[in-house]
């Protein structure tokens, strides 16, 4: 998970540094929101599911 998380952040940062987002029509503020949403999605995906509700 550690390497996957680092790769995700590195890849996103590299795309930002390389100027991909403006070429794709993504504004700076939108790129910031996307970064947060992507990280939230990743964390949600690796989080332990809640225990089942008692019956």
C-alpha atoms as a PDB file:
ATOM      1  CA  UNK A   1       0.000   0.000   0.000  1.00  0.00           C
ATOM      2  CA  UNK A   2       2.836   2.356   0.815  1.00  0.00           C
ATOM      3  CA  UNK A   3       4.325   2.145  -2.669  1.00  0.00           C
ATOM      4  CA  UNK A   4       0.888   2.393  -4.305  1.00  0.00           C
ATOM      5  CA  UNK A   5       0.114   5.566  -2.331  1.00  0.00           C
ATOM      6  CA  UNK A   6       3.464   7.110  -3.153  1.00  0.00           C
ATOM      7  CA  UNK A   7       3.087   6.216  -6.823  1.00  0.00           C
ATOM      8  CA  UNK A   8      -0.356   7.820  -6.915  1.00  0.00           C
ATOM      9  CA  UNK A   9       0.880  11.050  -5.347  1.00  0.00           C
ATOM     10  CA  UNK A  10       4.059  11.105  -7.419  1.00  0.00           C
ATOM     11  CA  UNK A  11       2.169  10.498 -10.659  1.00  0.00           C
ATOM     12  CA  UNK A  12      -0.346  13.232  -9.945  1.00  0.00           C
ATOM     13  CA  UNK A  13       2.421  15.668  -8.949  1.00  0.00           C
ATOM     14  CA  UNK A  14       4.427  14.790 -12.058  1.00  0.00           C
ATOM     15  CA  UNK A  15       1.410  15.465 -14.296  1.00  0.00           C
ATOM     16  CA  UNK A  16       0.971  18.841 -12.579  1.00  0.00           C
ATOM     17  CA  UNK A  17       4.652  19.770 -12.907  1.00  0.00           C
ATOM     18  CA  UNK A  18       4.742  18.648 -16.539  1.00  0.00           C
ATOM     19  CA  UNK A  19       1.770  20.906 -17.333  1.00  0.00           C
ATOM     20  CA  UNK A  20      -0.698  18.214 -18.372  1.00  0.00           C
ATOM     21  CA  UNK A  21      -3.717  19.711 -16.632  1.00  0.00           C
ATOM     22  CA  UNK A  22      -3.906  23.022 -18.506  1.00  0.00           C
ATOM     23  CA  UNK A  23      -3.493  21.124 -21.785  1.00  0.00           C
ATOM     24  CA  UNK A  24      -6.457  18.978 -20.770  1.00  0.00           C
ATOM     25  CA  UNK A  25      -8.549  22.022 -19.886  1.00  0.00           C
ATOM     26  CA  UNK A  26      -8.273  21.522 -16.109  1.00  0.00           C
ATOM     27  CA  UNK A  27      -7.871  24.779 -14.184  1.00  0.00           C
ATOM     28  CA  UNK A  28      -5.407  25.087 -11.288  1.00  0.00           C
ATOM     29  CA  UNK A  29      -8.172  25.213  -8.657  1.00  0.00           C
ATOM     30  CA  UNK A  30      -9.860  22.177 -10.199  1.00  0.00           C
ATOM     31  CA  UNK A  31      -6.566  20.244 -10.133  1.00  0.00           C
ATOM     32  CA  UNK A  32      -6.351  20.914  -6.383  1.00  0.00           C
ATOM     33  CA  UNK A  33      -9.890  19.575  -5.861  1.00  0.00           C
ATOM     34  CA  UNK A  34      -9.108  16.545  -8.025  1.00  0.00           C
ATOM     35  CA  UNK A  35      -6.003  15.782  -5.945  1.00  0.00           C
ATOM     36  CA  UNK A  36      -8.067  15.778  -2.764  1.00  0.00           C
ATOM     37  CA  UNK A  37     -10.798  13.635  -4.330  1.00  0.00           C
ATOM     38  CA  UNK A  38      -8.257  11.138  -5.693  1.00  0.00           C
ATOM     39  CA  UNK A  39      -6.570  10.791  -2.313  1.00  0.00           C
ATOM     40  CA  UNK A  40      -9.933  10.411  -0.562  1.00  0.00           C
ATOM     41  CA  UNK A  41     -10.885   7.664  -3.034  1.00  0.00           C
ATOM     42  CA  UNK A  42      -7.573   5.864  -2.494  1.00  0.00           C
ATOM     43  CA  UNK A  43      -7.878   6.018   1.300  1.00  0.00           C
ATOM     44  CA  UNK A  44     -11.482   4.826   1.121  1.00  0.00           C
ATOM     45  CA  UNK A  45     -10.365   1.929  -1.054  1.00  0.00           C
ATOM     46  CA  UNK A  46      -7.714   0.722   1.377  1.00  0.00           C
ATOM     47  CA  UNK A  47      -9.663   1.359   4.583  1.00  0.00           C
ATOM     48  CA  UNK A  48     -10.912  -1.594   6.574  1.00  0.00           C
ATOM     49  CA  UNK A  49     -14.634  -2.109   6.143  1.00  0.00           C
ATOM     50  CA  UNK A  50     -16.715  -1.450   9.257  1.00  0.00           C
ATOM     51  CA  UNK A  51     -17.680  -4.522  11.272  1.00  0.00           C
ATOM     52  CA  UNK A  52     -21.094  -5.970  10.484  1.00  0.00           C
ATOM     53  CA  UNK A  53     -23.986  -4.585  12.509  1.00  0.00           C
ATOM     54  CA  UNK A  54     -25.164  -6.909  15.282  1.00  0.00           C
ATOM     55  CA  UNK A  55     -28.373  -8.698  14.517  1.00  0.00           C
END
